[in-house]
């Protein structure tokens, strides 16, 4: 009886293509997250430069909002890659 219980809790072995596809999906999510993180840093840099040059506050707010959106996408993509 104990062997049947342990067999149901053990994860199934994935075939070669399934393992490759899972690795490619994980790599894709991690790469997209890195791209979004770099874009977010670029938008934050643009917001900081606009702040020092006395640009309209609405444009600074827009740049910060876009940076926060990109950071959100980066974090969720990293979490999705981790969950795979």
PDB file of N, CA and C in Angstrom:
ATOM      1  N   UNK A   1       0.823  -1.190   0.000  1.00  0.00           N
ATOM      2  CA  UNK A   1       0.000   0.000   0.000  1.00  0.00           C
ATOM      3  C   UNK A   1       0.867   1.253   0.000  1.00  0.00           C
ATOM      4  N   UNK A   2       2.002   1.203   0.684  1.00  0.00           N
ATOM      5  CA  UNK A   2       2.852   2.387   0.742  1.00  0.00           C
ATOM      6  C   UNK A   2       3.498   2.673  -0.611  1.00  0.00           C
ATOM      7  N   UNK A   3       3.742   1.644  -1.422  1.00  0.00           N
ATOM      8  CA  UNK A   3       4.332   1.885  -2.739  1.00  0.00           C
ATOM      9  C   UNK A   3       3.335   2.569  -3.671  1.00  0.00           C
ATOM     10  N   UNK A   4       2.073   2.273  -3.540  1.00  0.00           N
ATOM     11  CA  UNK A   4       1.059   2.918  -4.377  1.00  0.00           C
ATOM     12  C   UNK A   4       0.916   4.384  -3.989  1.00  0.00           C
ATOM     13  N   UNK A   5       1.013   4.683  -2.712  1.00  0.00           N
ATOM     14  CA  UNK A   5       0.894   6.065  -2.264  1.00  0.00           C
ATOM     15  C   UNK A   5       2.100   6.885  -2.689  1.00  0.00           C
ATOM     16  N   UNK A   6       3.279   6.280  -2.637  1.00  0.00           N
ATOM     17  CA  UNK A   6       4.470   7.020  -3.040  1.00  0.00           C
ATOM     18  C   UNK A   6       4.535   7.182  -4.553  1.00  0.00           C
ATOM     19  N   UNK A   7       3.951   6.263  -5.300  1.00  0.00           N
ATOM     20  CA  UNK A   7       3.966   6.365  -6.765  1.00  0.00           C
ATOM     21  C   UNK A   7       3.065   7.500  -7.234  1.00  0.00           C
ATOM     22  N   UNK A   8       1.984   7.773  -6.527  1.00  0.00           N
ATOM     23  CA  UNK A   8       1.079   8.837  -6.943  1.00  0.00           C
ATOM     24  C   UNK A   8       1.627  10.217  -6.595  1.00  0.00           C
ATOM     25  N   UNK A   9       2.485  10.311  -5.589  1.00  0.00           N
ATOM     26  CA  UNK A   9       3.033  11.611  -5.211  1.00  0.00           C
ATOM     27  C   UNK A   9       4.298  11.956  -5.978  1.00  0.00           C
ATOM     28  N   UNK A  10       4.941  10.977  -6.599  1.00  0.00           N
ATOM     29  CA  UNK A  10       6.170  11.242  -7.355  1.00  0.00           C
ATOM     30  C   UNK A  10       5.813  11.946  -8.661  1.00  0.00           C
ATOM     31  N   UNK A  11       6.577  12.975  -9.041  1.00  0.00           N
ATOM     32  CA  UNK A  11       6.279  13.661 -10.304  1.00  0.00           C
ATOM     33  C   UNK A  11       6.580  12.759 -11.494  1.00  0.00           C
ATOM     34  N   UNK A  12       5.784  12.928 -12.544  1.00  0.00           N
ATOM     35  CA  UNK A  12       5.986  12.116 -13.733  1.00  0.00           C
ATOM     36  C   UNK A  12       7.200  12.626 -14.492  1.00  0.00           C
ATOM     37  N   UNK A  13       7.926  11.699 -15.081  1.00  0.00           N
ATOM     38  CA  UNK A  13       9.072  12.074 -15.892  1.00  0.00           C
ATOM     39  C   UNK A  13       8.569  12.619 -17.216  1.00  0.00           C
ATOM     40  N   UNK A  14       9.125  13.760 -17.619  1.00  0.00           N
ATOM     41  CA  UNK A  14       8.725  14.350 -18.879  1.00  0.00           C
ATOM     42  C   UNK A  14       9.615  13.829 -19.995  1.00  0.00           C
ATOM     43  N   UNK A  15       9.040  13.733 -21.189  1.00  0.00           N
ATOM     44  CA  UNK A  15       9.804  13.298 -22.350  1.00  0.00           C
ATOM     45  C   UNK A  15      10.777  14.372 -22.783  1.00  0.00           C
ATOM     46  N   UNK A  16      11.597  14.044 -23.777  1.00  0.00           N
ATOM     47  CA  UNK A  16      12.632  14.964 -24.232  1.00  0.00           C
ATOM     48  C   UNK A  16      12.076  16.259 -24.786  1.00  0.00           C
ATOM     49  N   UNK A  17      11.045  16.187 -25.649  1.00  0.00           N
ATOM     50  CA  UNK A  17      10.491  17.404 -26.235  1.00  0.00           C
ATOM     51  C   UNK A  17       9.782  18.257 -25.195  1.00  0.00           C
ATOM     52  N   UNK A  18       9.064  17.625 -24.276  1.00  0.00           N
ATOM     53  CA  UNK A  18       8.361  18.392 -23.235  1.00  0.00           C
ATOM     54  C   UNK A  18       9.352  19.148 -22.348  1.00  0.00           C
ATOM     55  N   UNK A  19      10.459  18.503 -22.013  1.00  0.00           N
ATOM     56  CA  UNK A  19      11.480  19.177 -21.204  1.00  0.00           C
ATOM     57  C   UNK A  19      12.105  20.326 -21.966  1.00  0.00           C
ATOM     58  N   UNK A  20      12.369  20.129 -23.265  1.00  0.00           N
ATOM     59  CA  UNK A  20      12.926  21.191 -24.094  1.00  0.00           C
ATOM     60  C   UNK A  20      11.949  22.353 -24.209  1.00  0.00           C
ATOM     61  N   UNK A  21      10.672  22.054 -24.449  1.00  0.00           N
ATOM     62  CA  UNK A  21       9.666  23.102 -24.577  1.00  0.00           C
ATOM     63  C   UNK A  21       9.521  23.888 -23.271  1.00  0.00           C
ATOM     64  N   UNK A  22       9.547  23.196 -22.144  1.00  0.00           N
ATOM     65  CA  UNK A  22       9.453  23.871 -20.846  1.00  0.00           C
ATOM     66  C   UNK A  22      10.656  24.779 -20.615  1.00  0.00           C
ATOM     67  N   UNK A  23      11.838  24.305 -20.971  1.00  0.00           N
ATOM     68  CA  UNK A  23      13.051  25.118 -20.810  1.00  0.00           C
ATOM     69  C   UNK A  23      13.010  26.342 -21.726  1.00  0.00           C
ATOM     70  N   UNK A  24      12.534  26.168 -22.956  1.00  0.00           N
ATOM     71  CA  UNK A  24      12.427  27.301 -23.873  1.00  0.00           C
ATOM     72  C   UNK A  24      11.403  28.322 -23.389  1.00  0.00           C
ATOM     73  N   UNK A  25      10.280  27.854 -22.855  1.00  0.00           N
ATOM     74  CA  UNK A  25       9.279  28.782 -22.308  1.00  0.00           C
ATOM     75  C   UNK A  25       9.836  29.547 -21.119  1.00  0.00           C
ATOM     76  N   UNK A  26      10.553  28.857 -20.249  1.00  0.00           N
ATOM     77  CA  UNK A  26      11.145  29.513 -19.088  1.00  0.00           C
ATOM     78  C   UNK A  26      12.183  30.540 -19.535  1.00  0.00           C
ATOM     79  N   UNK A  27      13.001  30.194 -20.499  1.00  0.00           N
ATOM     80  CA  UNK A  27      13.995  31.122 -21.018  1.00  0.00           C
ATOM     81  C   UNK A  27      13.333  32.333 -21.670  1.00  0.00           C
ATOM     82  N   UNK A  28      12.248  32.119 -22.400  1.00  0.00           N
ATOM     83  CA  UNK A  28      11.515  33.210 -23.025  1.00  0.00           C
ATOM     84  C   UNK A  28      10.985  34.183 -21.968  1.00  0.00           C
ATOM     85  N   UNK A  29      10.353  33.656 -20.925  1.00  0.00           N
ATOM     86  CA  UNK A  29       9.811  34.522 -19.878  1.00  0.00           C
ATOM     87  C   UNK A  29      10.914  35.297 -19.165  1.00  0.00           C
ATOM     88  N   UNK A  30      12.041  34.655 -18.915  1.00  0.00           N
ATOM     89  CA  UNK A  30      13.142  35.348 -18.255  1.00  0.00           C
ATOM     90  C   UNK A  30      13.738  36.427 -19.145  1.00  0.00           C
ATOM     91  N   UNK A  31      13.860  36.161 -20.434  1.00  0.00           N
ATOM     92  CA  UNK A  31      14.405  37.158 -21.360  1.00  0.00           C
ATOM     93  C   UNK A  31      13.463  38.349 -21.496  1.00  0.00           C
ATOM     94  N   UNK A  32      12.175  38.094 -21.604  1.00  0.00           N
ATOM     95  CA  UNK A  32      11.196  39.179 -21.702  1.00  0.00           C
ATOM     96  C   UNK A  32      11.197  39.998 -20.420  1.00  0.00           C
ATOM     97  N   UNK A  33      11.320  39.349 -19.280  1.00  0.00           N
ATOM     98  CA  UNK A  33      11.370  40.081 -18.015  1.00  0.00           C
ATOM     99  C   UNK A  33      12.602  40.972 -17.948  1.00  0.00           C
ATOM    100  N   UNK A  34      13.721  40.475 -18.438  1.00  0.00           N
ATOM    101  CA  UNK A  34      14.940  41.286 -18.442  1.00  0.00           C
ATOM    102  C   UNK A  34      14.791  42.484 -19.369  1.00  0.00           C
ATOM    103  N   UNK A  35      14.156  42.283 -20.521  1.00  0.00           N
ATOM    104  CA  UNK A  35      13.927  43.401 -21.448  1.00  0.00           C
ATOM    105  C   UNK A  35      13.034  44.448 -20.803  1.00  0.00           C
ATOM    106  N   UNK A  36      11.967  44.018 -20.156  1.00  0.00           N
ATOM    107  CA  UNK A  36      11.078  44.966 -19.486  1.00  0.00           C
ATOM    108  C   UNK A  36      11.794  45.704 -18.351  1.00  0.00           C
ATOM    109  N   UNK A  37      12.664  45.008 -17.634  1.00  0.00           N
ATOM    110  CA  UNK A  37      13.403  45.665 -16.549  1.00  0.00           C
ATOM    111  C   UNK A  37      14.347  46.735 -17.103  1.00  0.00           C
ATOM    112  N   UNK A  38      15.008  46.443 -18.212  1.00  0.00           N
ATOM    113  CA  UNK A  38      15.897  47.432 -18.825  1.00  0.00           C
ATOM    114  C   UNK A  38      15.100  48.618 -19.346  1.00  0.00           C
ATOM    115  N   UNK A  39      13.952  48.353 -19.956  1.00  0.00           N
ATOM    116  CA  UNK A  39      13.102  49.447 -20.431  1.00  0.00           C
ATOM    117  C   UNK A  39      12.603  50.308 -19.273  1.00  0.00           C
ATOM    118  N   UNK A  40      12.270  49.669 -18.162  1.00  0.00           N
ATOM    119  CA  UNK A  40      11.820  50.428 -16.993  1.00  0.00           C
ATOM    120  C   UNK A  40      12.932  51.332 -16.480  1.00  0.00           C
ATOM    121  N   UNK A  41      14.159  50.820 -16.465  1.00  0.00           N
ATOM    122  CA  UNK A  41      15.280  51.667 -16.038  1.00  0.00           C
ATOM    123  C   UNK A  41      15.474  52.843 -16.990  1.00  0.00           C
ATOM    124  N   UNK A  42      15.278  52.611 -18.279  1.00  0.00           N
ATOM    125  CA  UNK A  42      15.380  53.695 -19.248  1.00  0.00           C
ATOM    126  C   UNK A  42      14.323  54.765 -19.023  1.00  0.00           C
ATOM    127  N   UNK A  43      13.102  54.345 -18.743  1.00  0.00           N
ATOM    128  CA  UNK A  43      12.041  55.321 -18.497  1.00  0.00           C
ATOM    129  C   UNK A  43      12.277  56.066 -17.191  1.00  0.00           C
ATOM    130  N   UNK A  44      12.793  55.375 -16.173  1.00  0.00           N
ATOM    131  CA  UNK A  44      13.109  56.073 -14.918  1.00  0.00           C
ATOM    132  C   UNK A  44      14.242  57.068 -15.117  1.00  0.00           C
ATOM    133  N   UNK A  45      15.209  56.717 -15.947  1.00  0.00           N
ATOM    134  CA  UNK A  45      16.290  57.636 -16.265  1.00  0.00           C
ATOM    135  C   UNK A  45      15.746  58.865 -16.992  1.00  0.00           C
ATOM    136  N   UNK A  46      14.830  58.648 -17.930  1.00  0.00           N
ATOM    137  CA  UNK A  46      14.226  59.768 -18.648  1.00  0.00           C
ATOM    138  C   UNK A  46      13.432  60.662 -17.692  1.00  0.00           C
ATOM    139  N   UNK A  47      12.740  60.060 -16.743  1.00  0.00           N
ATOM    140  CA  UNK A  47      11.977  60.847 -15.771  1.00  0.00           C
ATOM    141  C   UNK A  47      12.912  61.668 -14.885  1.00  0.00           C
ATOM    142  N   UNK A  48      14.022  61.069 -14.474  1.00  0.00           N
ATOM    143  CA  UNK A  48      14.977  61.790 -13.641  1.00  0.00           C
ATOM    144  C   UNK A  48      15.609  62.952 -14.405  1.00  0.00           C
ATOM    145  N   UNK A  49      15.963  62.719 -15.653  1.00  0.00           N
ATOM    146  CA  UNK A  49      16.541  63.795 -16.459  1.00  0.00           C
ATOM    147  C   UNK A  49      15.524  64.900 -16.703  1.00  0.00           C
ATOM    148  N   UNK A  50      14.272  64.538 -16.907  1.00  0.00           N
ATOM    149  CA  UNK A  50      13.236  65.554 -17.094  1.00  0.00           C
ATOM    150  C   UNK A  50      13.025  66.340 -15.806  1.00  0.00           C
ATOM    151  N   UNK A  51      13.134  65.666 -14.668  1.00  0.00           N
ATOM    152  CA  UNK A  51      12.968  66.338 -13.376  1.00  0.00           C
ATOM    153  C   UNK A  51      14.048  67.400 -13.180  1.00  0.00           C
ATOM    154  N   UNK A  52      15.272  67.084 -13.560  1.00  0.00           N
ATOM    155  CA  UNK A  52      16.368  68.039 -13.367  1.00  0.00           C
ATOM    156  C   UNK A  52      16.321  69.182 -14.379  1.00  0.00           C
ATOM    157  N   UNK A  53      15.620  69.009 -15.483  1.00  0.00           N
ATOM    158  CA  UNK A  53      15.549  70.056 -16.504  1.00  0.00           C
ATOM    159  C   UNK A  53      14.251  70.853 -16.444  1.00  0.00           C
ATOM    160  N   UNK A  54      13.479  70.647 -15.401  1.00  0.00           N
ATOM    161  CA  UNK A  54      12.264  71.426 -15.168  1.00  0.00           C
ATOM    162  C   UNK A  54      11.262  71.285 -16.321  1.00  0.00           C
ATOM    163  N   UNK A  55      10.918  70.040 -16.623  1.00  0.00           N
ATOM    164  CA  UNK A  55       9.913  69.737 -17.639  1.00  0.00           C
ATOM    165  C   UNK A  55       8.560  69.674 -16.945  1.00  0.00           C
ATOM    166  N   UNK A  56       7.491  69.716 -17.714  1.00  0.00           N
ATOM    167  CA  UNK A  56       6.136  69.672 -17.153  1.00  0.00           C
ATOM    168  C   UNK A  56       5.966  68.434 -16.270  1.00  0.00           C
ATOM    169  N   UNK A  57       5.308  68.630 -15.156  1.00  0.00           N
ATOM    170  CA  UNK A  57       5.120  67.538 -14.185  1.00  0.00           C
ATOM    171  C   UNK A  57       4.319  66.381 -14.775  1.00  0.00           C
ATOM    172  N   UNK A  58       3.405  66.686 -15.688  1.00  0.00           N
ATOM    173  CA  UNK A  58       2.602  65.613 -16.278  1.00  0.00           C
ATOM    174  C   UNK A  58       3.470  64.672 -17.099  1.00  0.00           C
ATOM    175  N   UNK A  59       4.476  65.190 -17.785  1.00  0.00           N
ATOM    176  CA  UNK A  59       5.368  64.330 -18.559  1.00  0.00           C
ATOM    177  C   UNK A  59       6.246  63.479 -17.645  1.00  0.00           C
ATOM    178  N   UNK A  60       6.651  64.050 -16.529  1.00  0.00           N
ATOM    179  CA  UNK A  60       7.437  63.269 -15.563  1.00  0.00           C
ATOM    180  C   UNK A  60       6.574  62.163 -14.969  1.00  0.00           C
ATOM    181  N   UNK A  61       5.344  62.502 -14.640  1.00  0.00           N
ATOM    182  CA  UNK A  61       4.420  61.504 -14.103  1.00  0.00           C
ATOM    183  C   UNK A  61       4.133  60.398 -15.098  1.00  0.00           C
ATOM    184  N   UNK A  62       4.006  60.768 -16.369  1.00  0.00           N
ATOM    185  CA  UNK A  62       3.774  59.765 -17.403  1.00  0.00           C
ATOM    186  C   UNK A  62       4.971  58.828 -17.534  1.00  0.00           C
ATOM    187  N   UNK A  63       6.174  59.376 -17.489  1.00  0.00           N
ATOM    188  CA  UNK A  63       7.374  58.544 -17.581  1.00  0.00           C
ATOM    189  C   UNK A  63       7.480  57.598 -16.384  1.00  0.00           C
ATOM    190  N   UNK A  64       7.166  58.070 -15.213  1.00  0.00           N
ATOM    191  CA  UNK A  64       7.207  57.220 -14.014  1.00  0.00           C
ATOM    192  C   UNK A  64       6.128  56.142 -14.092  1.00  0.00           C
ATOM    193  N   UNK A  65       4.947  56.504 -14.590  1.00  0.00           N
ATOM    194  CA  UNK A  65       3.865  55.522 -14.717  1.00  0.00           C
ATOM    195  C   UNK A  65       4.245  54.413 -15.693  1.00  0.00           C
ATOM    196  N   UNK A  66       4.835  54.769 -16.813  1.00  0.00           N
ATOM    197  CA  UNK A  66       5.255  53.757 -17.789  1.00  0.00           C
ATOM    198  C   UNK A  66       6.353  52.880 -17.181  1.00  0.00           C
ATOM    199  N   UNK A  67       7.274  53.484 -16.439  1.00  0.00           N
ATOM    200  CA  UNK A  67       8.337  52.707 -15.797  1.00  0.00           C
ATOM    201  C   UNK A  67       7.750  51.721 -14.783  1.00  0.00           C
ATOM    202  N   UNK A  68       6.769  52.162 -14.012  1.00  0.00           N
ATOM    203  CA  UNK A  68       6.136  51.256 -13.052  1.00  0.00           C
ATOM    204  C   UNK A  68       5.386  50.131 -13.752  1.00  0.00           C
ATOM    205  N   UNK A  69       4.756  50.432 -14.874  1.00  0.00           N
ATOM    206  CA  UNK A  69       4.072  49.400 -15.652  1.00  0.00           C
ATOM    207  C   UNK A  69       5.077  48.367 -16.171  1.00  0.00           C
ATOM    208  N   UNK A  70       6.205  48.836 -16.679  1.00  0.00           N
ATOM    209  CA  UNK A  70       7.234  47.919 -17.157  1.00  0.00           C
ATOM    210  C   UNK A  70       7.811  47.097 -16.010  1.00  0.00           C
ATOM    211  N   UNK A  71       7.994  47.704 -14.853  1.00  0.00           N
ATOM    212  CA  UNK A  71       8.478  46.943 -13.696  1.00  0.00           C
ATOM    213  C   UNK A  71       7.480  45.862 -13.290  1.00  0.00           C
ATOM    214  N   UNK A  72       6.200  46.192 -13.354  1.00  0.00           N
ATOM    215  CA  UNK A  72       5.162  45.206 -13.041  1.00  0.00           C
ATOM    216  C   UNK A  72       5.236  44.034 -14.016  1.00  0.00           C
ATOM    217  N   UNK A  73       5.368  44.338 -15.323  1.00  0.00           N
ATOM    218  CA  UNK A  73       5.488  43.277 -16.318  1.00  0.00           C
ATOM    219  C   UNK A  73       6.742  42.441 -16.086  1.00  0.00           C
ATOM    220  N   UNK A  74       7.840  43.072 -15.708  1.00  0.00           N
ATOM    221  CA  UNK A  74       9.082  42.341 -15.469  1.00  0.00           C
ATOM    222  C   UNK A  74       8.929  41.383 -14.286  1.00  0.00           C
ATOM    223  N   UNK A  75       8.352  41.866 -13.209  1.00  0.00           N
ATOM    224  CA  UNK A  75       8.191  41.026 -12.016  1.00  0.00           C
ATOM    225  C   UNK A  75       7.250  39.867 -12.295  1.00  0.00           C
ATOM    226  N   UNK A  76       6.131  40.129 -12.961  1.00  0.00           N
ATOM    227  CA  UNK A  76       5.192  39.042 -13.236  1.00  0.00           C
ATOM    228  C   UNK A  76       5.779  38.028 -14.209  1.00  0.00           C
ATOM    229  N   UNK A  77       6.590  38.491 -15.151  1.00  0.00           N
ATOM    230  CA  UNK A  77       7.204  37.547 -16.083  1.00  0.00           C
ATOM    231  C   UNK A  77       8.255  36.691 -15.382  1.00  0.00           C
ATOM    232  N   UNK A  78       9.037  37.286 -14.486  1.00  0.00           N
ATOM    233  CA  UNK A  78       9.994  36.503 -13.701  1.00  0.00           C
ATOM    234  C   UNK A  78       9.268  35.484 -12.827  1.00  0.00           C
ATOM    235  N   UNK A  79       8.165  35.885 -12.240  1.00  0.00           N
ATOM    236  CA  UNK A  79       7.409  34.949 -11.393  1.00  0.00           C
ATOM    237  C   UNK A  79       6.817  33.817 -12.215  1.00  0.00           C
ATOM    238  N   UNK A  80       6.335  34.138 -13.418  1.00  0.00           N
ATOM    239  CA  UNK A  80       5.787  33.093 -14.286  1.00  0.00           C
ATOM    240  C   UNK A  80       6.863  32.115 -14.708  1.00  0.00           C
ATOM    241  N   UNK A  81       8.062  32.622 -15.002  1.00  0.00           N
ATOM    242  CA  UNK A  81       9.161  31.735 -15.379  1.00  0.00           C
ATOM    243  C   UNK A  81       9.543  30.839 -14.203  1.00  0.00           C
ATOM    244  N   UNK A  82       9.456  31.360 -13.020  1.00  0.00           N
ATOM    245  CA  UNK A  82       9.792  30.585 -11.825  1.00  0.00           C
ATOM    246  C   UNK A  82       8.751  29.486 -11.579  1.00  0.00           C
ATOM    247  N   UNK A  83       7.484  29.767 -11.918  1.00  0.00           N
ATOM    248  CA  UNK A  83       6.407  28.833 -11.681  1.00  0.00           C
ATOM    249  C   UNK A  83       6.414  27.652 -12.654  1.00  0.00           C
ATOM    250  N   UNK A  84       7.041  27.828 -13.800  1.00  0.00           N
ATOM    251  CA  UNK A  84       7.024  26.757 -14.814  1.00  0.00           C
ATOM    252  C   UNK A  84       7.782  25.555 -14.373  1.00  0.00           C
TER     253      UNK A  84
END
